[in-house]
Amino acid sequence: MDCNALQTDLNSLSTWATKWQMNFNVKKCHIMHNTKKRNHNCPVYSMSGTPLLTVTFYSFLGVEIQNNLSWENHVSAISKSCSKILGLLRRNINSCSREIKSIAYMSLMQPILEYASPVWFPYRLKHISSLDQVQRRAASFAFADYCSTSSVSAMLNMLKWPLLQDRRSINHLVLFYIAFNKLTAIPLDHLAHPTRITRRCSDIAKSFLYPHAN
């Protein structure tokens, strides 16, 4: 069984660590079961005789992963982090020019909004809207215009800031291009190639590449 194989690997790691006197910090090692099932068996794993704590979410390389395969925590963490940065910018460069504010947004906030986006590509409207609101608040900050009747979309066009959804789509396609051309160690052998191109497939591809067409 897979659980037995995993426990065997954990035992091997513990043996290796003991041999080379490089013991793992078991308190920082956790187990997370990724599933949408409400009732499922959760085997207990251990390292060096110490049971590993089972968690429902975990931060891995800056990405908040949840056991129910939702990105709620990650999107929330991104929004909060960018909101703090935006507050910092308001306090320190509020009197600077629009160009300086735009550079600050692209340097300090945009990388956070796009970090590892091909992994957690949002599809729920509330997540997309939550991230878009961050960019829209940054645009209002750049223009120092917080009037409810002002057009934020016009501000984004004047700043020449692409929509976050469009940038995420581009990042997704770039990663696929890199993997497809074997420029990175991401296997695509498991992907099924269509035997024929239908009109529906063509329409889906166009809507993905050009989401704002028509």
C-alpha atoms as a PDB file:
ATOM      1  CA  MET A   1       0.000   0.000   0.000  1.00  0.00           C
ATOM      2  CA  ASP A   2       1.040   3.597  -0.584  1.00  0.00           C
ATOM      3  CA  CYS A   3       0.858   4.442   3.132  1.00  0.00           C
ATOM      4  CA  ASN A   4       3.242   1.587   3.943  1.00  0.00           C
ATOM      5  CA  ALA A   5       5.616   2.736   1.226  1.00  0.00           C
ATOM      6  CA  LEU A   6       5.569   6.292   2.596  1.00  0.00           C
ATOM      7  CA  GLN A   7       6.264   5.092   6.137  1.00  0.00           C
ATOM      8  CA  THR A   8       9.149   2.988   4.803  1.00  0.00           C
ATOM      9  CA  ASP A   9      10.607   6.096   3.149  1.00  0.00           C
ATOM     10  CA  LEU A  10      10.243   8.046   6.389  1.00  0.00           C
ATOM     11  CA  ASN A  11      12.058   5.270   8.255  1.00  0.00           C
ATOM     12  CA  SER A  12      14.856   5.367   5.694  1.00  0.00           C
ATOM     13  CA  LEU A  13      15.183   9.127   6.128  1.00  0.00           C
ATOM     14  CA  SER A  14      15.344   8.738   9.896  1.00  0.00           C
ATOM     15  CA  THR A  15      18.034   6.059   9.591  1.00  0.00           C
ATOM     16  CA  TRP A  16      20.070   8.236   7.211  1.00  0.00           C
ATOM     17  CA  ALA A  17      19.758  11.270   9.528  1.00  0.00           C
ATOM     18  CA  THR A  18      20.861   9.264  12.552  1.00  0.00           C
ATOM     19  CA  LYS A  19      23.832   7.808  10.696  1.00  0.00           C
ATOM     20  CA  TRP A  20      25.090  11.220   9.577  1.00  0.00           C
ATOM     21  CA  GLN A  21      24.050  13.018  12.770  1.00  0.00           C
ATOM     22  CA  MET A  22      21.737  15.386  10.897  1.00  0.00           C
ATOM     23  CA  ASN A  23      18.452  14.739  12.653  1.00  0.00           C
ATOM     24  CA  PHE A  24      15.239  16.225  11.297  1.00  0.00           C
ATOM     25  CA  ASN A  25      13.200  18.639  13.398  1.00  0.00           C
ATOM     26  CA  VAL A  26      10.146  16.407  13.737  1.00  0.00           C
ATOM     27  CA  LYS A  27       8.114  19.288  15.187  1.00  0.00           C
ATOM     28  CA  LYS A  28       8.337  21.029  11.821  1.00  0.00           C
ATOM     29  CA  CYS A  29       7.412  17.916   9.829  1.00  0.00           C
ATOM     30  CA  HIS A  30       3.700  17.531   9.171  1.00  0.00           C
ATOM     31  CA  ILE A  31       1.287  15.318   7.292  1.00  0.00           C
ATOM     32  CA  MET A  32      -1.541  16.726   5.169  1.00  0.00           C
ATOM     33  CA  HIS A  33      -4.123  14.583   3.373  1.00  0.00           C
ATOM     34  CA  ASN A  34      -5.351  16.273   0.186  1.00  0.00           C
ATOM     35  CA  THR A  35      -8.910  15.224  -0.477  1.00  0.00           C
ATOM     36  CA  LYS A  36     -12.426  16.611  -0.788  1.00  0.00           C
ATOM     37  CA  LYS A  37     -13.939  13.612   0.967  1.00  0.00           C
ATOM     38  CA  ARG A  38     -15.532  14.396   4.311  1.00  0.00           C
ATOM     39  CA  ASN A  39     -14.942  10.941   5.745  1.00  0.00           C
ATOM     40  CA  HIS A  40     -11.645   9.260   4.961  1.00  0.00           C
ATOM     41  CA  ASN A  41      -9.116   7.182   6.816  1.00  0.00           C
ATOM     42  CA  CYS A  42      -6.047   9.111   7.941  1.00  0.00           C
ATOM     43  CA  PRO A  43      -3.118   6.807   8.681  1.00  0.00           C
ATOM     44  CA  VAL A  44      -0.638   7.959  11.317  1.00  0.00           C
ATOM     45  CA  TYR A  45       2.957   8.419  10.176  1.00  0.00           C
ATOM     46  CA  SER A  46       6.023   8.812  12.340  1.00  0.00           C
ATOM     47  CA  MET A  47       9.686   9.737  12.192  1.00  0.00           C
ATOM     48  CA  SER A  48      12.214   8.444  14.711  1.00  0.00           C
ATOM     49  CA  GLY A  49       9.347   7.028  16.735  1.00  0.00           C
ATOM     50  CA  THR A  50       7.561  10.396  16.996  1.00  0.00           C
ATOM     51  CA  PRO A  51       4.084  10.676  15.401  1.00  0.00           C
ATOM     52  CA  LEU A  52       3.813  13.444  12.802  1.00  0.00           C
ATOM     53  CA  LEU A  53       1.172  16.112  13.320  1.00  0.00           C
ATOM     54  CA  THR A  54      -1.672  16.108  10.801  1.00  0.00           C
ATOM     55  CA  VAL A  55      -2.578  19.592   9.529  1.00  0.00           C
ATOM     56  CA  THR A  56      -5.345  20.984   7.301  1.00  0.00           C
ATOM     57  CA  PHE A  57      -3.177  23.648   5.640  1.00  0.00           C
ATOM     58  CA  TYR A  58       0.516  24.262   5.172  1.00  0.00           C
ATOM     59  CA  SER A  59       2.734  26.918   3.606  1.00  0.00           C
ATOM     60  CA  PHE A  60       5.087  25.377   1.053  1.00  0.00           C
ATOM     61  CA  LEU A  61       7.583  27.672  -0.676  1.00  0.00           C
ATOM     62  CA  GLY A  62       5.263  30.629  -0.131  1.00  0.00           C
ATOM     63  CA  VAL A  63       2.108  28.909  -1.383  1.00  0.00           C
ATOM     64  CA  GLU A  64      -0.687  28.194   1.115  1.00  0.00           C
ATOM     65  CA  ILE A  65      -1.923  24.652   0.412  1.00  0.00           C
ATOM     66  CA  GLN A  66      -5.162  23.381   1.958  1.00  0.00           C
ATOM     67  CA  ASN A  67      -6.225  19.796   2.410  1.00  0.00           C
ATOM     68  CA  ASN A  68      -9.560  20.426   0.637  1.00  0.00           C
ATOM     69  CA  LEU A  69      -7.705  21.672  -2.472  1.00  0.00           C
ATOM     70  CA  SER A  70      -9.080  25.202  -2.053  1.00  0.00           C
ATOM     71  CA  TRP A  71      -7.004  28.355  -2.525  1.00  0.00           C
ATOM     72  CA  GLU A  72      -9.048  30.424  -0.077  1.00  0.00           C
ATOM     73  CA  ASN A  73      -6.191  30.819   2.412  1.00  0.00           C
ATOM     74  CA  HIS A  74      -3.634  31.628  -0.263  1.00  0.00           C
ATOM     75  CA  VAL A  75      -5.717  34.329  -1.955  1.00  0.00           C
ATOM     76  CA  SER A  76      -6.552  35.816   1.444  1.00  0.00           C
ATOM     77  CA  ALA A  77      -2.872  35.853   2.434  1.00  0.00           C
ATOM     78  CA  ILE A  78      -1.908  37.573  -0.830  1.00  0.00           C
ATOM     79  CA  SER A  79      -4.596  40.232  -0.435  1.00  0.00           C
ATOM     80  CA  LYS A  80      -3.594  40.964   3.162  1.00  0.00           C
ATOM     81  CA  SER A  81       0.109  41.147   2.307  1.00  0.00           C
ATOM     82  CA  CYS A  82      -0.459  43.553  -0.594  1.00  0.00           C
ATOM     83  CA  SER A  83      -2.853  45.671   1.478  1.00  0.00           C
ATOM     84  CA  LYS A  84      -0.129  46.124   4.101  1.00  0.00           C
ATOM     85  CA  ILE A  85       2.373  47.142   1.432  1.00  0.00           C
ATOM     86  CA  LEU A  86      -0.117  49.567  -0.091  1.00  0.00           C
ATOM     87  CA  GLY A  87      -0.644  51.128   3.333  1.00  0.00           C
ATOM     88  CA  LEU A  88       3.120  51.501   3.684  1.00  0.00           C
ATOM     89  CA  LEU A  89       3.349  53.200   0.288  1.00  0.00           C
ATOM     90  CA  ARG A  90       0.551  55.605   1.170  1.00  0.00           C
ATOM     91  CA  ARG A  91       2.387  56.672   4.289  1.00  0.00           C
ATOM     92  CA  ASN A  92       5.757  57.152   2.600  1.00  0.00           C
ATOM     93  CA  ILE A  93       5.357  58.144  -1.068  1.00  0.00           C
ATOM     94  CA  ASN A  94       1.872  59.606  -1.175  1.00  0.00           C
ATOM     95  CA  SER A  95       3.229  62.903  -2.497  1.00  0.00           C
ATOM     96  CA  CYS A  96       5.375  61.309  -5.218  1.00  0.00           C
ATOM     97  CA  SER A  97       4.540  61.341  -8.907  1.00  0.00           C
ATOM     98  CA  ARG A  98       2.264  58.848 -10.614  1.00  0.00           C
ATOM     99  CA  GLU A  99       5.248  57.221 -12.322  1.00  0.00           C
ATOM    100  CA  ILE A 100       7.031  56.610  -9.022  1.00  0.00           C
ATOM    101  CA  LYS A 101       3.891  55.096  -7.515  1.00  0.00           C
ATOM    102  CA  SER A 102       3.459  52.863 -10.562  1.00  0.00           C
ATOM    103  CA  ILE A 103       7.028  51.614 -10.265  1.00  0.00           C
ATOM    104  CA  ALA A 104       6.490  50.935  -6.563  1.00  0.00           C
ATOM    105  CA  TYR A 105       3.370  48.882  -7.340  1.00  0.00           C
ATOM    106  CA  MET A 106       5.120  46.823 -10.016  1.00  0.00           C
ATOM    107  CA  SER A 107       8.179  46.294  -7.819  1.00  0.00           C
ATOM    108  CA  LEU A 108       6.572  45.524  -4.455  1.00  0.00           C
ATOM    109  CA  MET A 109       3.009  44.333  -5.061  1.00  0.00           C
ATOM    110  CA  GLN A 110       2.778  42.774  -8.506  1.00  0.00           C
ATOM    111  CA  PRO A 111       5.371  40.024  -7.791  1.00  0.00           C
ATOM    112  CA  ILE A 112       3.335  38.954  -4.754  1.00  0.00           C
ATOM    113  CA  LEU A 113       0.104  38.922  -6.766  1.00  0.00           C
ATOM    114  CA  GLU A 114       1.684  36.702  -9.444  1.00  0.00           C
ATOM    115  CA  TYR A 115       4.061  34.492  -7.473  1.00  0.00           C
ATOM    116  CA  ALA A 116       3.576  30.847  -8.577  1.00  0.00           C
ATOM    117  CA  SER A 117       0.244  31.787 -10.171  1.00  0.00           C
ATOM    118  CA  PRO A 118       0.251  28.796 -12.597  1.00  0.00           C
ATOM    119  CA  VAL A 119       0.026  26.586  -9.494  1.00  0.00           C
ATOM    120  CA  TRP A 120      -2.938  28.292  -7.814  1.00  0.00           C
ATOM    121  CA  PHE A 121      -4.612  29.796 -10.930  1.00  0.00           C
ATOM    122  CA  PRO A 122      -7.898  31.126  -9.466  1.00  0.00           C
ATOM    123  CA  TYR A 123     -11.188  30.158 -11.088  1.00  0.00           C
ATOM    124  CA  ARG A 124     -13.728  31.296  -8.495  1.00  0.00           C
ATOM    125  CA  LEU A 125     -15.134  34.757  -9.094  1.00  0.00           C
ATOM    126  CA  LYS A 126     -14.710  35.801  -5.465  1.00  0.00           C
ATOM    127  CA  HIS A 127     -10.991  34.988  -5.578  1.00  0.00           C
ATOM    128  CA  ILE A 128     -10.522  36.785  -8.891  1.00  0.00           C
ATOM    129  CA  SER A 129     -12.441  39.796  -7.597  1.00  0.00           C
ATOM    130  CA  SER A 130     -10.473  39.864  -4.346  1.00  0.00           C
ATOM    131  CA  LEU A 131      -7.179  40.120  -6.233  1.00  0.00           C
ATOM    132  CA  ASP A 132      -8.547  42.611  -8.745  1.00  0.00           C
ATOM    133  CA  GLN A 133      -9.602  44.894  -5.896  1.00  0.00           C
ATOM    134  CA  VAL A 134      -5.977  45.052  -4.763  1.00  0.00           C
ATOM    135  CA  GLN A 135      -4.879  46.274  -8.181  1.00  0.00           C
ATOM    136  CA  ARG A 136      -7.765  48.743  -8.383  1.00  0.00           C
ATOM    137  CA  ARG A 137      -6.899  50.236  -4.985  1.00  0.00           C
ATOM    138  CA  ALA A 138      -3.292  50.584  -6.155  1.00  0.00           C
ATOM    139  CA  ALA A 139      -4.484  52.424  -9.281  1.00  0.00           C
ATOM    140  CA  SER A 140      -6.532  54.833  -7.154  1.00  0.00           C
ATOM    141  CA  PHE A 141      -3.432  55.387  -5.024  1.00  0.00           C
ATOM    142  CA  ALA A 142      -1.315  56.129  -8.100  1.00  0.00           C
ATOM    143  CA  PHE A 143      -3.762  58.838  -9.180  1.00  0.00           C
ATOM    144  CA  ALA A 144      -4.512  59.951  -5.611  1.00  0.00           C
ATOM    145  CA  ASP A 145      -8.148  59.688  -6.653  1.00  0.00           C
ATOM    146  CA  TYR A 146     -10.435  57.843  -4.276  1.00  0.00           C
ATOM    147  CA  CYS A 147     -13.710  59.298  -5.498  1.00  0.00           C
ATOM    148  CA  SER A 148     -16.423  56.649  -5.888  1.00  0.00           C
ATOM    149  CA  THR A 149     -17.544  58.182  -9.192  1.00  0.00           C
ATOM    150  CA  SER A 150     -14.092  57.975 -10.803  1.00  0.00           C
ATOM    151  CA  SER A 151     -13.436  55.261 -13.384  1.00  0.00           C
ATOM    152  CA  VAL A 152     -10.755  52.923 -12.087  1.00  0.00           C
ATOM    153  CA  SER A 153     -10.780  51.080 -15.417  1.00  0.00           C
ATOM    154  CA  ALA A 154      -9.752  54.318 -17.123  1.00  0.00           C
ATOM    155  CA  MET A 155      -6.964  54.712 -14.561  1.00  0.00           C
ATOM    156  CA  LEU A 156      -5.693  51.202 -15.329  1.00  0.00           C
ATOM    157  CA  ASN A 157      -5.664  52.006 -19.045  1.00  0.00           C
ATOM    158  CA  MET A 158      -3.741  55.233 -18.486  1.00  0.00           C
ATOM    159  CA  LEU A 159      -1.231  53.414 -16.283  1.00  0.00           C
ATOM    160  CA  LYS A 160      -0.998  50.659 -18.918  1.00  0.00           C
ATOM    161  CA  TRP A 161      -1.454  47.972 -16.258  1.00  0.00           C
ATOM    162  CA  PRO A 162      -2.783  44.742 -17.817  1.00  0.00           C
ATOM    163  CA  LEU A 163      -5.547  42.985 -15.904  1.00  0.00           C
ATOM    164  CA  LEU A 164      -4.239  40.428 -13.422  1.00  0.00           C
ATOM    165  CA  GLN A 165      -6.328  37.701 -15.029  1.00  0.00           C
ATOM    166  CA  ASP A 166      -4.626  38.369 -18.376  1.00  0.00           C
ATOM    167  CA  ARG A 167      -1.155  38.325 -16.813  1.00  0.00           C
ATOM    168  CA  ARG A 168      -1.918  35.039 -15.044  1.00  0.00           C
ATOM    169  CA  SER A 169      -3.063  33.527 -18.344  1.00  0.00           C
ATOM    170  CA  ILE A 170       0.183  34.631 -19.996  1.00  0.00           C
ATOM    171  CA  ASN A 171       2.244  33.180 -17.150  1.00  0.00           C
ATOM    172  CA  HIS A 172       0.313  29.932 -17.466  1.00  0.00           C
ATOM    173  CA  LEU A 173       0.975  29.736 -21.212  1.00  0.00           C
ATOM    174  CA  VAL A 174       4.664  30.584 -20.750  1.00  0.00           C
ATOM    175  CA  LEU A 175       5.049  27.732 -18.277  1.00  0.00           C
ATOM    176  CA  PHE A 176       3.270  25.353 -20.652  1.00  0.00           C
ATOM    177  CA  TYR A 177       5.544  26.461 -23.510  1.00  0.00           C
ATOM    178  CA  ILE A 178       8.636  25.843 -21.389  1.00  0.00           C
ATOM    179  CA  ALA A 179       7.397  22.399 -20.342  1.00  0.00           C
ATOM    180  CA  PHE A 180       6.207  21.473 -23.851  1.00  0.00           C
ATOM    181  CA  ASN A 181       9.617  22.302 -25.317  1.00  0.00           C
ATOM    182  CA  LYS A 182      11.351  20.361 -22.508  1.00  0.00           C
ATOM    183  CA  LEU A 183      13.149  23.432 -21.200  1.00  0.00           C
ATOM    184  CA  THR A 184      12.381  22.362 -17.634  1.00  0.00           C
ATOM    185  CA  ALA A 185      11.882  19.069 -15.804  1.00  0.00           C
ATOM    186  CA  ILE A 186       8.065  19.093 -15.977  1.00  0.00           C
ATOM    187  CA  PRO A 187       6.793  15.912 -17.707  1.00  0.00           C
ATOM    188  CA  LEU A 188       3.795  16.257 -20.018  1.00  0.00           C
ATOM    189  CA  ASP A 189       3.596  12.610 -21.059  1.00  0.00           C
ATOM    190  CA  HIS A 190       0.386  12.134 -19.075  1.00  0.00           C
ATOM    191  CA  LEU A 191      -1.486  14.743 -21.146  1.00  0.00           C
ATOM    192  CA  ALA A 192      -3.859  13.300 -23.710  1.00  0.00           C
ATOM    193  CA  HIS A 193      -3.506  14.785 -27.187  1.00  0.00           C
ATOM    194  CA  PRO A 194      -6.802  15.378 -29.041  1.00  0.00           C
ATOM    195  CA  THR A 195      -7.310  13.076 -32.018  1.00  0.00           C
ATOM    196  CA  ARG A 196      -9.149  15.810 -33.917  1.00  0.00           C
ATOM    197  CA  ILE A 197      -9.784  19.528 -33.530  1.00  0.00           C
ATOM    198  CA  THR A 198     -13.469  20.333 -33.177  1.00  0.00           C
ATOM    199  CA  ARG A 199     -15.148  23.706 -33.399  1.00  0.00           C
ATOM    200  CA  ARG A 200     -15.746  23.600 -29.638  1.00  0.00           C
ATOM    201  CA  CYS A 201     -12.038  22.984 -28.940  1.00  0.00           C
ATOM    202  CA  SER A 202     -11.158  25.899 -31.195  1.00  0.00           C
ATOM    203  CA  ASP A 203     -13.633  28.201 -29.429  1.00  0.00           C
ATOM    204  CA  ILE A 204     -12.283  27.211 -26.003  1.00  0.00           C
ATOM    205  CA  ALA A 205      -8.707  27.895 -27.104  1.00  0.00           C
ATOM    206  CA  LYS A 206      -9.687  31.311 -28.478  1.00  0.00           C
ATOM    207  CA  SER A 207     -11.562  32.238 -25.307  1.00  0.00           C
ATOM    208  CA  PHE A 208      -8.501  31.276 -23.240  1.00  0.00           C
ATOM    209  CA  LEU A 209      -6.017  33.161 -25.379  1.00  0.00           C
ATOM    210  CA  TYR A 210      -8.282  36.168 -25.995  1.00  0.00           C
ATOM    211  CA  PRO A 211     -10.642  36.383 -23.002  1.00  0.00           C
ATOM    212  CA  HIS A 212     -11.813  39.922 -23.798  1.00  0.00           C
ATOM    213  CA  ALA A 213     -12.490  39.394 -27.501  1.00  0.00           C
ATOM    214  CA  ASN A 214     -15.984  40.329 -28.678  1.00  0.00           C
END
